[in-house]
Protein backbone atom coordinates (compact mmCIF):
# COMPACT_ATOMS: atom_id res chain seq x y z
CA MET A 1 -0.02 0.13 0.22
CA VAL A 2 1.32 3.18 -0.84
CA SER A 3 0.56 6.22 1.36
CA ALA A 4 0.74 9.88 0.21
CA VAL A 5 1.37 13.17 2.20
CA PHE A 6 0.16 16.34 0.72
CA HIS A 7 1.69 19.59 2.00
CA ALA A 8 0.67 23.15 1.11
CA ALA A 9 2.43 24.38 -2.01
CA PRO A 10 5.14 26.92 -1.15
CA GLU A 11 4.78 30.46 -1.83
CA PRO A 12 6.91 31.27 -4.95
CA GLY A 13 10.10 33.31 -4.18
CA SER A 14 10.29 32.16 -0.65
CA ALA A 15 12.97 30.06 0.84
CA ALA A 16 11.07 26.84 0.99
CA ALA A 17 10.29 26.94 -2.65
CA HIS A 18 13.89 27.39 -3.39
CA HIS A 19 14.54 24.27 -0.94
CA ALA A 20 11.85 22.34 -2.76
CA ALA A 21 13.00 23.13 -6.59
CA ALA A 22 16.37 21.62 -5.30
CA PRO A 23 17.02 17.95 -6.00
CA ALA A 24 17.31 15.61 -3.11
CA GLY A 25 20.89 15.66 -2.20
CA ALA A 26 22.30 18.57 -3.69
CA ALA A 27 24.24 21.12 -1.99
CA PRO A 28 22.55 24.18 -1.22
CA THR A 29 23.12 26.85 -3.81
CA ALA A 30 24.52 30.38 -3.11
CA SER A 31 21.10 31.86 -3.32
CA THR A 32 19.96 29.72 -0.52
CA THR A 33 22.99 30.33 1.38
CA MET A 34 22.68 34.19 1.06
CA THR A 35 19.16 34.04 1.65
CA THR A 36 19.82 31.89 5.07
CA ASN A 37 22.83 34.33 6.01
CA ALA A 38 21.00 37.37 5.47
CA SER A 39 18.25 35.97 8.04
CA THR A 40 20.71 35.33 10.57
CA PRO A 41 22.31 38.06 12.66
CA ARG A 42 25.61 38.03 12.65
CA ALA A 43 28.14 38.99 15.63
CA PRO A 44 29.80 42.36 15.75
CA ALA A 45 33.39 42.42 14.51
CA PRO A 46 35.97 42.44 17.51
CA ALA A 47 37.36 45.96 18.13
CA ALA A 48 41.17 46.61 17.65
CA THR A 49 43.04 46.29 20.53
CA SER A 50 46.73 47.49 21.28
CA THR A 51 48.68 44.41 22.80
CA PRO A 52 51.01 44.92 25.70
CA ARG A 53 54.01 44.39 23.30
CA ASP A 54 52.89 47.77 21.32
CA THR A 55 52.51 49.67 24.43
CA SER A 56 55.74 48.67 25.58
CA ALA A 57 57.37 49.55 22.15
CA ALA A 58 55.66 52.80 22.78
CA LEU A 59 56.70 53.49 25.82
CA ARG A 60 60.24 52.22 24.60
CA GLY A 61 60.27 54.85 21.98
CA PHE A 62 59.11 57.59 24.06
CA TRP A 63 61.81 57.35 26.53
CA LEU A 64 64.17 56.95 23.84
CA ALA A 65 63.22 60.22 22.36
CA VAL A 66 63.06 62.38 25.55
CA LEU A 67 65.59 60.91 28.25
CA PRO A 68 68.98 61.08 26.30
CA PRO A 69 68.29 64.98 25.70
CA ALA A 70 66.64 65.66 29.07
CA CYS A 71 70.15 64.13 30.51
CA GLY A 72 72.42 65.93 28.39
CA ILE A 73 70.70 69.32 29.35
CA GLY A 74 70.67 68.08 32.83
CA LEU A 75 74.41 67.43 32.52
CA LEU A 76 75.17 71.06 31.32
CA LEU A 77 73.05 72.62 34.14
CA VAL A 78 75.19 70.30 36.92
CA VAL A 79 78.31 71.42 34.85
CA TRP A 80 77.22 75.19 34.91
CA ALA A 81 76.38 75.21 38.43
CA ILE A 82 79.87 73.66 39.55
CA VAL A 83 81.62 76.10 37.66
CA SER A 84 79.43 78.97 38.90
CA SER A 85 80.36 78.06 42.44
CA THR A 86 84.10 77.45 41.91
CA THR A 87 84.38 80.68 40.32
CA GLY A 88 82.88 82.57 43.48
CA GLY A 89 79.72 83.89 41.35
CA SER A 90 81.79 85.54 38.61
CA ILE A 91 79.78 83.38 36.36
CA PRO A 92 75.85 83.47 37.29
CA ASN A 93 74.41 80.32 37.97
CA PRO A 94 71.71 78.70 35.96
CA ALA A 95 68.77 80.04 38.37
CA ASP A 96 69.91 83.52 38.43
CA THR A 97 70.33 83.30 34.66
CA TRP A 98 66.94 82.04 34.12
CA LYS A 99 65.54 84.92 36.20
CA GLN A 100 67.25 87.32 33.94
CA ALA A 101 66.04 85.60 30.88
CA VAL A 102 62.44 85.79 31.99
CA GLU A 103 62.92 89.92 32.60
CA ILE A 104 64.26 89.95 28.99
CA PHE A 105 61.80 88.33 27.19
CA SER A 106 59.16 89.62 29.18
CA ASN A 107 59.50 92.78 26.77
CA PRO A 108 61.82 91.65 24.06
CA PHE A 109 61.02 94.52 21.44
CA TYR A 110 61.22 97.72 23.46
CA ARG A 111 63.06 100.69 21.86
CA ASN A 112 64.98 103.33 23.93
CA GLY A 113 66.97 104.62 21.28
CA PRO A 114 69.50 103.31 18.58
CA ASN A 115 71.68 101.28 21.03
CA ASP A 116 69.26 100.68 23.44
CA GLN A 117 66.92 97.90 22.08
CA GLY A 118 65.33 94.52 23.19
CA VAL A 119 66.88 91.14 22.16
CA GLY A 120 63.86 90.65 19.50
CA TRP A 121 65.04 93.76 17.50
CA ASN A 122 68.71 92.55 17.64
CA VAL A 123 67.78 88.87 16.09
CA LEU A 124 65.71 90.16 13.76
CA ALA A 125 68.28 92.85 12.57
CA SER A 126 71.05 89.64 12.26
CA LEU A 127 68.60 87.49 10.56
CA GLU A 128 67.86 90.11 7.89
CA ARG A 129 71.58 90.63 7.17
CA VAL A 130 71.91 86.58 6.95
CA ALA A 131 69.01 86.40 4.80
CA VAL A 132 70.40 89.26 2.30
CA GLY A 133 73.79 87.80 2.30
CA PHE A 134 72.92 84.38 2.43
CA GLY A 135 70.14 85.23 -0.84
CA LEU A 136 72.90 86.81 -2.75
CA ALA A 137 75.50 83.84 -2.11
CA ALA A 138 72.57 81.42 -3.33
CA VAL A 139 72.16 83.40 -6.49
CA VAL A 140 75.66 83.49 -7.35
CA GLY A 141 76.99 80.10 -6.06
CA ILE A 142 74.08 77.52 -7.33
CA PRO A 143 74.73 78.56 -10.76
CA ALA A 144 78.39 78.93 -10.59
CA GLY A 145 78.13 75.57 -8.96
CA PHE A 146 76.37 74.17 -11.92
CA VAL A 147 79.08 75.63 -14.67
CA ILE A 148 82.29 74.42 -12.96
CA GLY A 149 80.72 70.89 -12.40
CA ARG A 150 79.43 70.90 -16.45
CA PHE A 151 82.52 71.84 -17.65
CA THR A 152 85.97 70.47 -17.22
CA PHE A 153 88.36 73.51 -18.35
CA LEU A 154 86.28 75.72 -15.60
CA SER A 155 86.45 73.18 -13.19
CA ARG A 156 90.23 73.28 -13.58
CA MET A 157 90.41 76.92 -13.80
CA PHE A 158 88.21 77.53 -10.53
CA ASN A 159 89.52 74.80 -8.38
CA PRO A 160 92.69 76.47 -7.36
CA LEU A 161 91.27 79.76 -6.89
CA ILE A 162 88.32 78.18 -4.48
CA SER A 163 90.90 76.29 -2.44
CA LEU A 164 93.13 79.10 -2.24
CA LEU A 165 90.13 81.68 -1.02
CA ARG A 166 88.10 79.06 0.83
CA PRO A 167 90.18 78.76 4.04
CA VAL A 168 90.64 82.50 4.74
CA SER A 169 89.02 83.34 7.92
CA PRO A 170 85.64 85.26 7.94
CA LEU A 171 86.92 88.53 9.92
CA ALA A 172 89.70 88.76 7.20
CA TRP A 173 87.12 89.68 4.70
CA LEU A 174 85.50 92.49 6.54
CA PRO A 175 87.93 95.14 6.25
CA ILE A 176 87.93 94.71 2.67
CA GLY A 177 84.11 95.12 2.86
CA LEU A 178 84.63 98.70 4.91
CA LEU A 179 87.21 99.76 2.55
CA VAL A 180 84.85 99.07 -0.49
CA PHE A 181 81.48 99.86 0.77
CA LYS A 182 82.43 102.55 3.09
CA GLY A 183 79.40 101.19 5.69
CA ALA A 184 79.13 98.64 8.57
CA ASN A 185 76.07 97.01 7.29
CA PRO A 186 77.01 96.55 3.62
CA ALA A 187 80.34 95.12 4.99
CA ALA A 188 78.81 92.58 7.21
CA ILE A 189 76.74 91.49 4.63
CA TRP A 190 79.35 91.32 2.32
CA THR A 191 81.22 89.14 4.56
CA ILE A 192 78.23 86.75 4.92
CA PHE A 193 78.13 86.47 1.17
CA ILE A 194 81.92 85.35 0.72
CA CYS A 195 82.34 82.87 3.09
CA SER A 196 78.89 81.12 2.71
CA ILE A 197 79.37 80.85 -1.19
CA TRP A 198 81.67 78.30 -0.89
CA PRO A 199 79.92 75.21 0.60
CA MET A 200 76.73 76.15 -2.55
CA ILE A 201 79.84 76.05 -5.05
CA ILE A 202 81.60 72.80 -4.13
CA ASN A 203 78.62 70.65 -3.25
CA THR A 204 76.41 71.76 -6.41
CA ALA A 205 79.58 71.25 -8.57
CA VAL A 206 80.68 67.73 -6.82
CA GLY A 207 76.60 67.01 -7.36
CA VAL A 208 76.57 67.80 -11.43
CA GLN A 209 80.18 65.99 -11.58
CA ARG A 210 78.46 62.60 -10.21
CA VAL A 211 75.35 62.37 -12.15
CA PRO A 212 75.34 58.91 -14.19
CA GLN A 213 77.39 59.16 -17.55
CA ASP A 214 74.26 57.39 -18.82
CA TYR A 215 72.14 60.27 -18.59
CA MET A 216 74.22 62.56 -20.44
CA ASN A 217 74.37 59.67 -23.22
CA VAL A 218 70.77 60.00 -23.57
CA ALA A 219 70.77 63.92 -23.46
CA ARG A 220 73.60 63.62 -26.56
CA VAL A 221 71.37 60.82 -28.40
CA LEU A 222 68.12 63.43 -28.23
CA ASN A 223 70.26 66.23 -29.00
CA LEU A 224 68.85 68.23 -26.09
CA SER A 225 70.04 72.11 -25.30
CA GLU A 226 72.14 72.81 -22.59
CA TRP A 227 68.97 74.26 -20.61
CA LYS A 228 67.16 71.22 -21.42
CA ILE A 229 69.62 69.10 -20.09
CA ALA A 230 70.39 71.53 -16.67
CA THR A 231 66.24 71.48 -16.04
CA THR A 232 65.57 68.05 -16.94
CA ILE A 233 68.59 66.21 -15.93
CA LEU A 234 71.27 67.78 -13.86
CA PHE A 235 68.71 70.08 -11.50
CA PRO A 236 66.78 66.85 -10.17
CA SER A 237 70.20 64.86 -9.84
CA VAL A 238 71.95 67.60 -8.03
CA LEU A 239 69.38 68.98 -5.66
CA PRO A 240 70.37 66.82 -2.96
CA TYR A 241 73.91 67.94 -2.98
CA MET A 242 72.62 71.63 -3.57
CA LEU A 243 70.49 71.48 -0.27
CA THR A 244 73.34 70.22 1.71
CA GLY A 245 75.61 73.06 0.61
CA VAL A 246 72.79 75.12 1.55
CA ARG A 247 72.37 73.67 4.88
CA LEU A 248 76.10 74.09 5.37
CA ALA A 249 76.03 77.72 3.84
CA VAL A 250 73.42 78.77 6.37
CA GLY A 251 75.16 77.50 9.22
CA THR A 252 78.52 79.54 8.10
CA ALA A 253 76.28 82.94 7.59
CA TRP A 254 74.88 82.33 11.24
CA LEU A 255 78.32 82.25 12.96
CA VAL A 256 80.10 84.94 10.54
CA ILE A 257 77.12 87.71 11.34
CA VAL A 258 77.87 87.26 15.32
CA ALA A 259 81.76 88.16 14.95
CA ALA A 260 81.26 90.69 12.16
CA GLU A 261 78.37 92.65 14.29
CA MET A 262 80.64 92.45 17.49
CA LEU A 263 83.46 94.56 15.03
CA THR A 264 81.02 96.48 12.99
CA GLY A 265 78.50 97.67 15.98
CA GLY A 266 74.77 98.99 15.24
CA VAL A 267 72.02 96.55 16.11
CA GLY A 268 72.64 92.72 16.25
CA ILE A 269 73.16 89.96 18.38
CA GLY A 270 76.56 90.24 17.93
CA PHE A 271 76.76 93.95 18.94
CA TRP A 272 74.31 93.16 21.73
CA VAL A 273 77.01 90.38 23.04
CA TRP A 274 79.58 93.06 23.02
CA ASP A 275 77.80 95.75 24.56
CA GLU A 276 76.73 93.65 27.45
CA TRP A 277 80.52 92.75 27.69
CA ASN A 278 81.26 96.31 27.90
CA ASN A 279 78.90 96.80 30.57
CA LEU A 280 80.19 93.61 32.45
CA ASN A 281 76.66 92.07 32.43
CA VAL A 282 77.65 88.33 32.03
CA LYS A 283 74.07 87.10 32.61
CA ASN A 284 73.06 88.67 29.36
CA ILE A 285 76.03 87.20 27.50
CA LEU A 286 74.91 84.17 28.65
CA ILE A 287 71.23 84.86 27.44
CA ALA A 288 72.62 85.68 24.19
CA ILE A 289 74.84 82.58 23.49
CA PHE A 290 71.49 80.21 24.29
CA VAL A 291 69.70 82.80 21.89
CA ILE A 292 72.29 82.27 19.34
CA GLY A 293 72.20 78.60 19.61
CA ILE A 294 68.72 78.21 19.62
CA VAL A 295 68.20 80.34 16.55
CA GLY A 296 70.79 78.50 14.61
CA LEU A 297 69.18 75.22 15.65
CA LEU A 298 65.82 76.26 14.09
CA LEU A 299 67.66 77.52 10.95
CA GLU A 300 69.39 73.98 10.50
CA TYR A 301 65.93 72.22 11.74
CA ALA A 302 63.83 73.87 8.96
CA LEU A 303 66.60 73.04 6.23
CA VAL A 304 66.75 69.30 7.03
CA LYS A 305 62.92 69.11 6.72
CA LEU A 306 63.55 71.05 3.48
CA ALA A 307 66.28 68.23 2.17
CA THR A 308 64.05 65.56 3.40
CA ALA A 309 61.04 66.58 1.35
CA PHE A 310 63.38 66.75 -1.74
CA SER A 311 65.51 63.57 -1.07
CA PHE A 312 64.94 60.20 -1.01
CA GLU A 313 66.65 59.02 2.01
CA GLU A 314 66.42 60.38 5.74
CA VAL A 315 68.48 63.68 6.03
CA LYS A 316 70.06 63.77 9.45
CA ALA A 317 71.56 66.73 11.37
């Protein structure tokens, strides 16, 4: 005897209709799987959590970045305090110098006459001279480096002159500037110019000479003009060398301006140091030393960032 069980027909489009249409023993199709998964609630994805190893690495990196500089500054303060105590107070201690610095920087831009101005005006005056002298040196030195590095005859012609004039002390050029320009300010700018031009010429010329010969062979095959060679081949290749020369030049310029202003007078951080020495104000001299160092550090940091932006490898100070 055969018995039959009758069920109500499933509604078309339902999940039961899909199961009924599938042959017995067949694996579930993608559509049935998707339908089943869609109706089943999913557990939320676990939130990303930092592991103890990541936290330990972050703390270690933080201490490696903070602890060594802090130890260096602490050592400087300890040595400074020892020197101050052994000299009977002729060298002010760090605490007294800090109080004087707070008083000076509470109003750094005061003006009580041409020879009595705040430290802010003196720093700005020195930076202005450095900017003018350094800018003139860059305008002359970088193209000169390209030409000297590009042509062998000019390289052999100027190498003896550069080797002769580069080691001359910056202050030796100051009397020549005073004689020619008849003024202290242009003489100081001339001294900065003549002393900061050599690093830019040398580094740019070395960069041009180290351009791969294959690049020049391709330029010769394509019959490129000298302007095209300079702008499309030499400049991108020489840029890291050129920026290194700029970094060295601006450091030299900042060193030179302090010494030049001590001799020429007027307004400037070098003149401020010499004027405080004449007044026997050692605290202000120490403050000026830190100001000179901080400004030079900021200039170096800015140029390192600039060089890193145009270089393929990390640039370290």
